[in-house]
Structures are given as C-alpha cells and as structure tokens.
Amino acid sequence: KFHKSWISEMAALTAKFPDGRVPIAGFPAGAKYKWKDQTKQASVFIPLCNRHGVASVLFTVRSQHVGTHKGQVSFPGGHLEPGESEIAAAHRETFEELGFTIGNLHTIGNCQTLPAKTLTPVHPVIGFIEQDVGDFEHFEPSEGEVERVFTRSIEQLLDPAYKRYETLQRDEKSPKVTMPVYGWPDENGDKSSIEYQERIWGLTAMILDSVLAKVVAPTRPEV
C-alpha cells in the first residue's frame, strides 16, 4: 500500500534529479528537440493510487470520440491553457477525465519534458490519488474522452515476466526505437482480447518504465 512515508520518499528522490525532473530512458538529457509549436504544450498525470489497499497505477483507455490515439491506453492529460502551469494542467485534465469525485490529488514530482509523436512538448507529472480507488464506483469518467479505467498493481508492473521489449520504426527514414510493452507477452496472440486492449505501450510505457525504475522501486518498502 502507498502510505505517507513512501509518498514522501518518492517526492524527495524525485527532487534530487537534475532540475528536479526524472529522466526518461530513450530520451537523451539535454537533447534539442524541434518542437512543432512551443505555444502548444501538454501535461499528463501519472496516477499512483491504492486499489483496495494495494499499491497500483491507474490508466485510462481513450474513447473512440477523441481526436487522436483512439482506444489507446494512456495517462490522464491534455493541453495547457494560457498561463497554466504543467502541474495545474495535469490536475485539471485528470479531474475533467475522471470526475472531481475522485478526491484530492497529491503531486510527487515532475519528469523530463518529452516530444509527443506530433512534436508537442509533453510534461509528465507524477502524482497520487489520495482516496482508495476501490472499484471506481465514485468515479465519473468523461464519456467523450474515457472508454474505461483500470489499474495494475506495482507488484505486477515490477514483475520482469510482465514486461517485454519491441523495436519500432515510424518509417524507413526514422531510427529504430526499442520500447517496453507491459501486459502483452505474446505479440501474436488474440488482438480482440482485453489483455491486448489494455497493453501499455508507446510513450505511456516509456514514462511508466522510468518512473517505476527510478522512483517507485528504489523507495519501495521491504516486504
């Protein structure tokens, strides 16, 4: 279970990274990205939570009504409004997607700013949903944005058997990138299954991978 001392240790560890930002593997520190539009930025909230007292991470499956990434597993998030901070945007988007009824959100720290596929700057914010999420009965997810919500326990996510790597290439001119995939052990399996639909991949998996390895696992209490 995530408790106050574990949350505090994660926040303290996060603050020790350069610029107080957790580096994300696969994205070189100090890299100069050609941002498509510096005025258009986005934040995502990495929601650590307890589910029935079990330390977990919460994910959403994007609806078929959103403009991009339909049906994909993601963290809550969206574009910053004028004058809005990355943390404020991450909180606002989480409440808009999951409902204000989820309770208080606690910020643990920030991650390295990353380029989305569209070259929009994305600011990942690590946080904690203070109220136990249970079976999401107190959630009010936005029908226009969220198809469903699910969690994976920290124990499961840290199990080496639950993660594999795949090499992707956007096109022939792009470099090959090796990326983690969580929860889909058989790439030739049934793609109509819930396991396939809830696999964690892409930018979401890359962010998750570094947060688990650099923040969650090092501070995890001895069992």
C-alpha atoms as a PDB file:
ATOM      1  CA  LYS A   1       0.000   0.000   0.000  1.00  0.00           C
ATOM      2  CA  PHE A   2       1.159   3.520  -0.751  1.00  0.00           C
ATOM      3  CA  HIS A   3       1.430   5.319   2.588  1.00  0.00           C
ATOM      4  CA  LYS A   4       2.611   8.796   3.579  1.00  0.00           C
ATOM      5  CA  SER A   5       6.230   7.851   4.223  1.00  0.00           C
ATOM      6  CA  TRP A   6       6.550   6.068   0.841  1.00  0.00           C
ATOM      7  CA  ILE A   7       4.998   9.060  -0.951  1.00  0.00           C
ATOM      8  CA  SER A   8       7.374  11.410   0.895  1.00  0.00           C
ATOM      9  CA  GLU A   9      10.404   9.292  -0.029  1.00  0.00           C
ATOM     10  CA  MET A  10       9.392   9.298  -3.701  1.00  0.00           C
ATOM     11  CA  ALA A  11       8.985  13.090  -3.648  1.00  0.00           C
ATOM     12  CA  ALA A  12      12.391  13.540  -2.007  1.00  0.00           C
ATOM     13  CA  LEU A  13      14.085  11.227  -4.511  1.00  0.00           C
ATOM     14  CA  THR A  14      12.430  12.948  -7.474  1.00  0.00           C
ATOM     15  CA  ALA A  15      13.675  16.335  -6.286  1.00  0.00           C
ATOM     16  CA  LYS A  16      17.288  15.087  -6.368  1.00  0.00           C
ATOM     17  CA  PHE A  17      17.349  14.549 -10.135  1.00  0.00           C
ATOM     18  CA  PRO A  18      18.819  17.349 -12.305  1.00  0.00           C
ATOM     19  CA  ASP A  19      16.349  20.246 -12.464  1.00  0.00           C
ATOM     20  CA  GLY A  20      14.086  18.174 -10.201  1.00  0.00           C
ATOM     21  CA  ARG A  21      12.916  16.104 -13.168  1.00  0.00           C
ATOM     22  CA  VAL A  22      13.056  12.328 -13.525  1.00  0.00           C
ATOM     23  CA  PRO A  23      14.896  11.440 -16.766  1.00  0.00           C
ATOM     24  CA  ILE A  24      13.020   9.174 -19.163  1.00  0.00           C
ATOM     25  CA  ALA A  25      15.043   6.358 -20.756  1.00  0.00           C
ATOM     26  CA  GLY A  26      15.228   6.665 -24.521  1.00  0.00           C
ATOM     27  CA  PHE A  27      15.219  10.458 -24.475  1.00  0.00           C
ATOM     28  CA  PRO A  28      18.748  11.903 -24.102  1.00  0.00           C
ATOM     29  CA  ALA A  29      19.076  14.556 -21.417  1.00  0.00           C
ATOM     30  CA  GLY A  30      19.661  17.986 -22.916  1.00  0.00           C
ATOM     31  CA  ALA A  31      18.522  16.934 -26.398  1.00  0.00           C
ATOM     32  CA  LYS A  32      17.394  19.858 -28.524  1.00  0.00           C
ATOM     33  CA  TYR A  33      14.027  18.965 -29.995  1.00  0.00           C
ATOM     34  CA  LYS A  34      12.472  20.875 -32.849  1.00  0.00           C
ATOM     35  CA  TRP A  35       9.165  21.497 -31.120  1.00  0.00           C
ATOM     36  CA  LYS A  36       6.354  21.834 -33.613  1.00  0.00           C
ATOM     37  CA  ASP A  37       4.751  24.689 -31.697  1.00  0.00           C
ATOM     38  CA  GLN A  38       6.242  25.925 -28.436  1.00  0.00           C
ATOM     39  CA  THR A  39       2.969  27.687 -27.564  1.00  0.00           C
ATOM     40  CA  LYS A  40       1.063  24.380 -27.595  1.00  0.00           C
ATOM     41  CA  GLN A  41       2.116  22.144 -24.704  1.00  0.00           C
ATOM     42  CA  ALA A  42       0.582  19.212 -22.848  1.00  0.00           C
ATOM     43  CA  SER A  43       0.738  17.606 -19.400  1.00  0.00           C
ATOM     44  CA  VAL A  44      -0.044  14.076 -18.298  1.00  0.00           C
ATOM     45  CA  PHE A  45      -0.714  12.888 -14.735  1.00  0.00           C
ATOM     46  CA  ILE A  46       0.850   9.577 -13.691  1.00  0.00           C
ATOM     47  CA  PRO A  47      -1.729   8.483 -11.095  1.00  0.00           C
ATOM     48  CA  LEU A  48      -0.281   6.293  -8.390  1.00  0.00           C
ATOM     49  CA  CYS A  49      -3.097   5.013  -6.205  1.00  0.00           C
ATOM     50  CA  ASN A  50      -4.255   2.370  -3.780  1.00  0.00           C
ATOM     51  CA  ARG A  51      -6.879  -0.059  -5.000  1.00  0.00           C
ATOM     52  CA  HIS A  52      -8.449  -1.996  -2.142  1.00  0.00           C
ATOM     53  CA  GLY A  53      -5.279  -1.197  -0.215  1.00  0.00           C
ATOM     54  CA  VAL A  54      -2.898  -2.428  -2.947  1.00  0.00           C
ATOM     55  CA  ALA A  55      -0.300  -0.010  -4.371  1.00  0.00           C
ATOM     56  CA  SER A  56      -1.152   0.449  -8.056  1.00  0.00           C
ATOM     57  CA  VAL A  57      -1.008   2.709 -11.105  1.00  0.00           C
ATOM     58  CA  LEU A  58      -4.205   3.873 -12.800  1.00  0.00           C
ATOM     59  CA  PHE A  59      -4.640   4.013 -16.578  1.00  0.00           C
ATOM     60  CA  THR A  60      -7.399   5.103 -18.937  1.00  0.00           C
ATOM     61  CA  VAL A  61      -8.465   3.675 -22.276  1.00  0.00           C
ATOM     62  CA  ARG A  62      -9.178   6.597 -24.586  1.00  0.00           C
ATOM     63  CA  SER A  63     -12.613   6.683 -26.170  1.00  0.00           C
ATOM     64  CA  GLN A  64     -13.350   6.431 -29.880  1.00  0.00           C
ATOM     65  CA  HIS A  65     -14.555  10.047 -29.816  1.00  0.00           C
ATOM     66  CA  VAL A  66     -11.222  11.756 -29.126  1.00  0.00           C
ATOM     67  CA  GLY A  67      -9.245  13.345 -31.946  1.00  0.00           C
ATOM     68  CA  THR A  68      -6.069  11.277 -31.547  1.00  0.00           C
ATOM     69  CA  HIS A  69      -4.906   7.951 -30.083  1.00  0.00           C
ATOM     70  CA  LYS A  70      -8.414   6.437 -30.110  1.00  0.00           C
ATOM     71  CA  GLY A  71      -8.726   3.313 -27.961  1.00  0.00           C
ATOM     72  CA  GLN A  72      -5.173   3.544 -26.641  1.00  0.00           C
ATOM     73  CA  VAL A  73      -4.070   3.139 -23.046  1.00  0.00           C
ATOM     74  CA  SER A  74      -2.869   6.420 -21.595  1.00  0.00           C
ATOM     75  CA  PHE A  75      -2.468   8.574 -18.520  1.00  0.00           C
ATOM     76  CA  PRO A  76      -4.976  11.397 -17.985  1.00  0.00           C
ATOM     77  CA  GLY A  77      -3.774  14.584 -19.647  1.00  0.00           C
ATOM     78  CA  GLY A  78      -4.190  17.264 -22.252  1.00  0.00           C
ATOM     79  CA  HIS A  79      -3.079  20.676 -23.427  1.00  0.00           C
ATOM     80  CA  LEU A  80      -2.110  23.523 -21.130  1.00  0.00           C
ATOM     81  CA  GLU A  81      -4.395  26.537 -21.122  1.00  0.00           C
ATOM     82  CA  PRO A  82      -2.840  30.029 -21.474  1.00  0.00           C
ATOM     83  CA  GLY A  83      -0.900  30.910 -18.320  1.00  0.00           C
ATOM     84  CA  GLU A  84      -1.441  27.483 -16.770  1.00  0.00           C
ATOM     85  CA  SER A  85       1.388  25.531 -15.129  1.00  0.00           C
ATOM     86  CA  GLU A  86       2.134  21.939 -16.111  1.00  0.00           C
ATOM     87  CA  ILE A  87       1.058  20.680 -12.668  1.00  0.00           C
ATOM     88  CA  ALA A  88      -2.189  22.672 -12.705  1.00  0.00           C
ATOM     89  CA  ALA A  89      -2.964  21.350 -16.203  1.00  0.00           C
ATOM     90  CA  ALA A  90      -2.258  17.750 -15.168  1.00  0.00           C
ATOM     91  CA  HIS A  91      -4.629  18.062 -12.201  1.00  0.00           C
ATOM     92  CA  ARG A  92      -7.350  19.823 -14.209  1.00  0.00           C
ATOM     93  CA  GLU A  93      -7.238  17.254 -17.007  1.00  0.00           C
ATOM     94  CA  THR A  94      -7.379  14.381 -14.500  1.00  0.00           C
ATOM     95  CA  PHE A  95     -10.492  15.827 -12.858  1.00  0.00           C
ATOM     96  CA  GLU A  96     -12.078  16.508 -16.262  1.00  0.00           C
ATOM     97  CA  GLU A  97     -11.450  12.925 -17.408  1.00  0.00           C
ATOM     98  CA  LEU A  98     -12.211  11.043 -14.184  1.00  0.00           C
ATOM     99  CA  GLY A  99     -14.517  13.404 -12.273  1.00  0.00           C
ATOM    100  CA  PHE A 100     -13.987  15.707  -9.302  1.00  0.00           C
ATOM    101  CA  THR A 101     -15.459  12.923  -7.161  1.00  0.00           C
ATOM    102  CA  ILE A 102     -12.137  11.033  -7.236  1.00  0.00           C
ATOM    103  CA  GLY A 103     -10.938  13.186  -4.325  1.00  0.00           C
ATOM    104  CA  ASN A 104      -7.693  15.016  -3.672  1.00  0.00           C
ATOM    105  CA  LEU A 105      -4.644  14.719  -5.916  1.00  0.00           C
ATOM    106  CA  HIS A 106      -1.155  14.959  -4.463  1.00  0.00           C
ATOM    107  CA  THR A 107       1.835  15.972  -6.604  1.00  0.00           C
ATOM    108  CA  ILE A 108       5.008  13.911  -6.088  1.00  0.00           C
ATOM    109  CA  GLY A 109       7.237  15.472  -8.753  1.00  0.00           C
ATOM    110  CA  ASN A 110       7.991  16.091 -12.399  1.00  0.00           C
ATOM    111  CA  CYS A 111       9.604  14.156 -15.218  1.00  0.00           C
ATOM    112  CA  GLN A 112      11.698  15.227 -18.162  1.00  0.00           C
ATOM    113  CA  THR A 113       9.733  17.045 -20.875  1.00  0.00           C
ATOM    114  CA  LEU A 114       9.221  14.746 -23.868  1.00  0.00           C
ATOM    115  CA  PRO A 115       8.217  15.115 -27.514  1.00  0.00           C
ATOM    116  CA  ALA A 116       4.870  13.596 -28.472  1.00  0.00           C
ATOM    117  CA  LYS A 117       4.544  11.999 -31.905  1.00  0.00           C
ATOM    118  CA  THR A 118       3.280  15.403 -33.076  1.00  0.00           C
ATOM    119  CA  LEU A 119       6.415  17.070 -31.559  1.00  0.00           C
ATOM    120  CA  THR A 120       4.285  18.816 -28.948  1.00  0.00           C
ATOM    121  CA  PRO A 121       6.150  19.165 -25.610  1.00  0.00           C
ATOM    122  CA  VAL A 122       4.650  16.796 -23.018  1.00  0.00           C
ATOM    123  CA  HIS A 123       5.236  17.350 -19.285  1.00  0.00           C
ATOM    124  CA  PRO A 124       4.683  14.165 -17.203  1.00  0.00           C
ATOM    125  CA  VAL A 125       3.675  14.852 -13.578  1.00  0.00           C
ATOM    126  CA  ILE A 126       3.933  12.043 -11.008  1.00  0.00           C
ATOM    127  CA  GLY A 127       1.080  12.143  -8.523  1.00  0.00           C
ATOM    128  CA  PHE A 128      -1.064  10.238  -6.088  1.00  0.00           C
ATOM    129  CA  ILE A 129      -4.840   9.861  -5.809  1.00  0.00           C
ATOM    130  CA  GLU A 130      -5.322  10.125  -2.051  1.00  0.00           C
ATOM    131  CA  GLN A 131      -8.638   8.239  -1.807  1.00  0.00           C
ATOM    132  CA  ASP A 132      -8.565   4.472  -2.402  1.00  0.00           C
ATOM    133  CA  VAL A 133      -9.980   3.997  -5.906  1.00  0.00           C
ATOM    134  CA  GLY A 134     -11.809   0.780  -4.985  1.00  0.00           C
ATOM    135  CA  ASP A 135     -13.850  -0.388  -7.949  1.00  0.00           C
ATOM    136  CA  PHE A 136     -14.137   3.177  -9.330  1.00  0.00           C
ATOM    137  CA  GLU A 137     -17.716   3.456  -8.042  1.00  0.00           C
ATOM    138  CA  HIS A 138     -17.102   7.102  -7.072  1.00  0.00           C
ATOM    139  CA  PHE A 139     -15.533   7.981 -10.442  1.00  0.00           C
ATOM    140  CA  GLU A 140     -17.435   9.997 -13.044  1.00  0.00           C
ATOM    141  CA  PRO A 141     -15.379   9.444 -16.212  1.00  0.00           C
ATOM    142  CA  SER A 142     -15.969  11.691 -19.189  1.00  0.00           C
ATOM    143  CA  GLU A 143     -17.854   9.668 -21.807  1.00  0.00           C
ATOM    144  CA  GLY A 144     -16.354  11.767 -24.571  1.00  0.00           C
ATOM    145  CA  GLU A 145     -12.767  11.076 -23.533  1.00  0.00           C
ATOM    146  CA  VAL A 146     -12.573   7.874 -21.492  1.00  0.00           C
ATOM    147  CA  GLU A 147     -13.846   4.454 -22.539  1.00  0.00           C
ATOM    148  CA  ARG A 148     -12.839   2.788 -19.274  1.00  0.00           C
ATOM    149  CA  VAL A 149     -10.421   2.903 -16.360  1.00  0.00           C
ATOM    150  CA  PHE A 150      -8.210   0.127 -14.994  1.00  0.00           C
ATOM    151  CA  THR A 151      -5.245  -0.366 -12.682  1.00  0.00           C
ATOM    152  CA  ARG A 152      -2.184  -2.560 -12.496  1.00  0.00           C
ATOM    153  CA  SER A 153      -0.528  -3.276  -9.167  1.00  0.00           C
ATOM    154  CA  ILE A 154       3.042  -2.161  -8.539  1.00  0.00           C
ATOM    155  CA  GLU A 155       3.936  -5.786  -7.793  1.00  0.00           C
ATOM    156  CA  GLN A 156       2.673  -6.878 -11.211  1.00  0.00           C
ATOM    157  CA  LEU A 157       4.311  -3.978 -13.063  1.00  0.00           C
ATOM    158  CA  LEU A 158       7.687  -4.725 -11.435  1.00  0.00           C
ATOM    159  CA  ASP A 159       7.488  -8.423 -12.358  1.00  0.00           C
ATOM    160  CA  PRO A 160      10.024  -8.952 -15.206  1.00  0.00           C
ATOM    161  CA  ALA A 161       7.685 -11.525 -16.776  1.00  0.00           C
ATOM    162  CA  TYR A 162       5.028  -8.822 -17.242  1.00  0.00           C
ATOM    163  CA  LYS A 163       7.250  -6.682 -19.495  1.00  0.00           C
ATOM    164  CA  ARG A 164       8.887  -7.281 -22.832  1.00  0.00           C
ATOM    165  CA  TYR A 165      10.566  -5.026 -25.380  1.00  0.00           C
ATOM    166  CA  GLU A 166       9.756  -4.416 -29.003  1.00  0.00           C
ATOM    167  CA  THR A 167      11.586  -2.444 -31.669  1.00  0.00           C
ATOM    168  CA  LEU A 168       9.531   0.041 -33.643  1.00  0.00           C
ATOM    169  CA  GLN A 169      10.288   2.276 -36.613  1.00  0.00           C
ATOM    170  CA  ARG A 170       7.930   5.059 -37.664  1.00  0.00           C
ATOM    171  CA  ASP A 171       9.127   4.962 -41.294  1.00  0.00           C
ATOM    172  CA  GLU A 172      12.177   3.930 -43.298  1.00  0.00           C
ATOM    173  CA  LYS A 173      13.971   7.224 -42.603  1.00  0.00           C
ATOM    174  CA  SER A 174      13.363   7.155 -38.857  1.00  0.00           C
ATOM    175  CA  PRO A 175      15.693   5.418 -36.402  1.00  0.00           C
ATOM    176  CA  LYS A 176      14.589   2.182 -34.782  1.00  0.00           C
ATOM    177  CA  VAL A 177      13.463   2.615 -31.185  1.00  0.00           C
ATOM    178  CA  THR A 178      13.294  -0.155 -28.584  1.00  0.00           C
ATOM    179  CA  MET A 179      10.310   0.356 -26.296  1.00  0.00           C
ATOM    180  CA  PRO A 180       8.862  -1.529 -23.317  1.00  0.00           C
ATOM    181  CA  VAL A 181       5.429  -3.136 -23.511  1.00  0.00           C
ATOM    182  CA  TYR A 182       3.589  -4.121 -20.331  1.00  0.00           C
ATOM    183  CA  GLY A 183       0.940  -6.817 -20.143  1.00  0.00           C
ATOM    184  CA  TRP A 184       1.078  -8.308 -23.613  1.00  0.00           C
ATOM    185  CA  PRO A 185       3.528 -11.242 -23.540  1.00  0.00           C
ATOM    186  CA  ASP A 186       2.538 -12.773 -26.882  1.00  0.00           C
ATOM    187  CA  GLU A 187       2.754 -10.392 -29.831  1.00  0.00           C
ATOM    188  CA  ASN A 188       0.965 -12.996 -31.979  1.00  0.00           C
ATOM    189  CA  GLY A 189      -1.893 -13.515 -29.546  1.00  0.00           C
ATOM    190  CA  ASP A 190      -5.591 -12.673 -29.767  1.00  0.00           C
ATOM    191  CA  LYS A 191      -5.873  -8.970 -30.572  1.00  0.00           C
ATOM    192  CA  SER A 192      -9.569  -8.919 -29.690  1.00  0.00           C
ATOM    193  CA  SER A 193      -8.765  -9.831 -26.078  1.00  0.00           C
ATOM    194  CA  ILE A 194      -8.984  -7.421 -23.150  1.00  0.00           C
ATOM    195  CA  GLU A 195      -5.319  -8.148 -22.434  1.00  0.00           C
ATOM    196  CA  TYR A 196      -4.362  -6.766 -25.833  1.00  0.00           C
ATOM    197  CA  GLN A 197      -6.624  -3.743 -25.496  1.00  0.00           C
ATOM    198  CA  GLU A 198      -5.134  -2.945 -22.075  1.00  0.00           C
ATOM    199  CA  ARG A 199      -1.488  -3.454 -23.019  1.00  0.00           C
ATOM    200  CA  ILE A 200       0.664  -0.490 -22.002  1.00  0.00           C
ATOM    201  CA  TRP A 201       2.952   0.678 -24.773  1.00  0.00           C
ATOM    202  CA  GLY A 202       4.295   3.730 -26.584  1.00  0.00           C
ATOM    203  CA  LEU A 203       5.089   6.952 -24.738  1.00  0.00           C
ATOM    204  CA  THR A 204       2.924   5.854 -21.788  1.00  0.00           C
ATOM    205  CA  ALA A 205       5.058   2.729 -21.300  1.00  0.00           C
ATOM    206  CA  MET A 206       8.319   4.662 -21.643  1.00  0.00           C
ATOM    207  CA  ILE A 207       7.252   7.141 -18.959  1.00  0.00           C
ATOM    208  CA  LEU A 208       5.965   4.331 -16.728  1.00  0.00           C
ATOM    209  CA  ASP A 209       9.169   2.326 -17.138  1.00  0.00           C
ATOM    210  CA  SER A 210      11.409   5.134 -15.878  1.00  0.00           C
ATOM    211  CA  VAL A 211       9.079   6.164 -13.039  1.00  0.00           C
ATOM    212  CA  LEU A 212       8.958   2.571 -11.800  1.00  0.00           C
ATOM    213  CA  ALA A 213      12.714   2.008 -12.105  1.00  0.00           C
ATOM    214  CA  LYS A 214      13.928   5.384 -10.822  1.00  0.00           C
ATOM    215  CA  VAL A 215      11.283   6.450  -8.292  1.00  0.00           C
ATOM    216  CA  VAL A 216       8.932   3.662  -7.199  1.00  0.00           C
ATOM    217  CA  ALA A 217      11.206   0.617  -6.940  1.00  0.00           C
ATOM    218  CA  PRO A 218      14.129   2.336  -5.125  1.00  0.00           C
ATOM    219  CA  THR A 219      11.816   3.629  -2.379  1.00  0.00           C
ATOM    220  CA  ARG A 220       9.600   0.558  -2.124  1.00  0.00           C
ATOM    221  CA  PRO A 221       9.430  -0.669   1.470  1.00  0.00           C
ATOM    222  CA  GLU A 222      10.935  -4.056   2.251  1.00  0.00           C
ATOM    223  CA  VAL A 223       8.197  -6.686   2.443  1.00  0.00           C
END
